[in-house]
Amino acid sequence: MGGWEAVIFFNILAIVLAVASIAYLVYALVKPERF
């Protein structure tokens, strides 16, 4: 464990969370009647 695995894992986690939050915001804007 050189630490690179953790760095890559957290980078992927951050990217996934960012994409999910952006998709959620776009979905909330497109379908506001669900909220």
N, C-alpha and C. Protein backbone atom coordinates (compact mmCIF):
# COMPACT_ATOMS: atom_id res chain seq x y z
N MET A 1 0.85 -1.19 0.00
CA MET A 1 0.00 0.00 0.00
C MET A 1 0.88 1.24 0.00
N GLY A 2 1.06 1.83 -1.16
CA GLY A 2 1.84 3.04 -1.23
C GLY A 2 1.00 4.28 -1.00
N GLY A 3 -0.30 4.08 -0.82
CA GLY A 3 -1.18 5.22 -0.62
C GLY A 3 -1.88 5.63 -1.91
N TRP A 4 -1.35 5.17 -3.04
CA TRP A 4 -1.95 5.55 -4.33
C TRP A 4 -3.36 4.99 -4.47
N GLU A 5 -3.59 3.77 -3.93
CA GLU A 5 -4.92 3.18 -4.05
C GLU A 5 -5.96 4.07 -3.37
N ALA A 6 -5.62 4.57 -2.18
CA ALA A 6 -6.57 5.42 -1.46
C ALA A 6 -6.81 6.72 -2.22
N VAL A 7 -5.76 7.29 -2.79
CA VAL A 7 -5.91 8.55 -3.53
C VAL A 7 -6.82 8.33 -4.73
N ILE A 8 -6.58 7.26 -5.48
CA ILE A 8 -7.40 6.99 -6.65
C ILE A 8 -8.84 6.71 -6.24
N PHE A 9 -9.00 5.95 -5.15
CA PHE A 9 -10.35 5.63 -4.68
C PHE A 9 -11.11 6.89 -4.32
N PHE A 10 -10.47 7.80 -3.58
CA PHE A 10 -11.17 9.02 -3.17
C PHE A 10 -11.42 9.93 -4.36
N ASN A 11 -10.51 9.92 -5.34
CA ASN A 11 -10.75 10.71 -6.55
C ASN A 11 -11.98 10.19 -7.28
N ILE A 12 -12.07 8.87 -7.43
CA ILE A 12 -13.22 8.29 -8.12
C ILE A 12 -14.50 8.57 -7.32
N LEU A 13 -14.42 8.45 -6.00
CA LEU A 13 -15.59 8.70 -5.16
C LEU A 13 -16.06 10.15 -5.31
N ALA A 14 -15.12 11.09 -5.33
CA ALA A 14 -15.47 12.50 -5.47
C ALA A 14 -16.10 12.76 -6.84
N ILE A 15 -15.56 12.15 -7.89
CA ILE A 15 -16.10 12.34 -9.23
C ILE A 15 -17.52 11.77 -9.31
N VAL A 16 -17.71 10.58 -8.74
CA VAL A 16 -19.04 9.96 -8.78
C VAL A 16 -20.04 10.82 -8.02
N LEU A 17 -19.65 11.33 -6.85
CA LEU A 17 -20.57 12.17 -6.07
C LEU A 17 -20.89 13.45 -6.82
N ALA A 18 -19.90 14.05 -7.47
CA ALA A 18 -20.13 15.29 -8.21
C ALA A 18 -21.09 15.05 -9.38
N VAL A 19 -20.85 13.97 -10.13
CA VAL A 19 -21.72 13.66 -11.26
C VAL A 19 -23.14 13.36 -10.78
N ALA A 20 -23.26 12.63 -9.67
CA ALA A 20 -24.58 12.29 -9.16
C ALA A 20 -25.32 13.54 -8.70
N SER A 21 -24.63 14.45 -8.03
CA SER A 21 -25.30 15.66 -7.56
C SER A 21 -25.71 16.55 -8.73
N ILE A 22 -24.87 16.64 -9.76
CA ILE A 22 -25.23 17.44 -10.94
C ILE A 22 -26.44 16.82 -11.64
N ALA A 23 -26.42 15.49 -11.78
CA ALA A 23 -27.55 14.81 -12.43
C ALA A 23 -28.82 15.02 -11.62
N TYR A 24 -28.70 14.98 -10.29
CA TYR A 24 -29.87 15.19 -9.42
C TYR A 24 -30.42 16.61 -9.59
N LEU A 25 -29.53 17.60 -9.67
CA LEU A 25 -29.98 18.97 -9.85
C LEU A 25 -30.67 19.15 -11.20
N VAL A 26 -30.09 18.57 -12.26
CA VAL A 26 -30.70 18.67 -13.58
C VAL A 26 -32.06 17.98 -13.58
N TYR A 27 -32.15 16.82 -12.93
CA TYR A 27 -33.42 16.10 -12.87
C TYR A 27 -34.46 16.91 -12.09
N ALA A 28 -34.03 17.56 -11.01
CA ALA A 28 -34.96 18.37 -10.22
C ALA A 28 -35.45 19.57 -11.04
N LEU A 29 -34.59 20.10 -11.90
CA LEU A 29 -35.00 21.23 -12.73
C LEU A 29 -35.95 20.78 -13.84
N VAL A 30 -35.69 19.59 -14.40
CA VAL A 30 -36.51 19.11 -15.51
C VAL A 30 -37.86 18.62 -15.01
N LYS A 31 -37.88 17.95 -13.84
CA LYS A 31 -39.13 17.39 -13.31
C LYS A 31 -39.43 18.02 -11.94
N PRO A 32 -39.77 19.30 -11.89
CA PRO A 32 -39.98 19.96 -10.59
C PRO A 32 -41.25 19.48 -9.88
N GLU A 33 -42.17 18.85 -10.61
CA GLU A 33 -43.42 18.44 -9.96
C GLU A 33 -43.21 17.28 -9.00
N ARG A 34 -42.06 16.61 -9.07
CA ARG A 34 -41.80 15.49 -8.16
C ARG A 34 -41.29 15.99 -6.81
N PHE A 35 -40.96 17.28 -6.69
CA PHE A 35 -40.35 17.76 -5.46
C PHE A 35 -41.26 18.76 -4.74
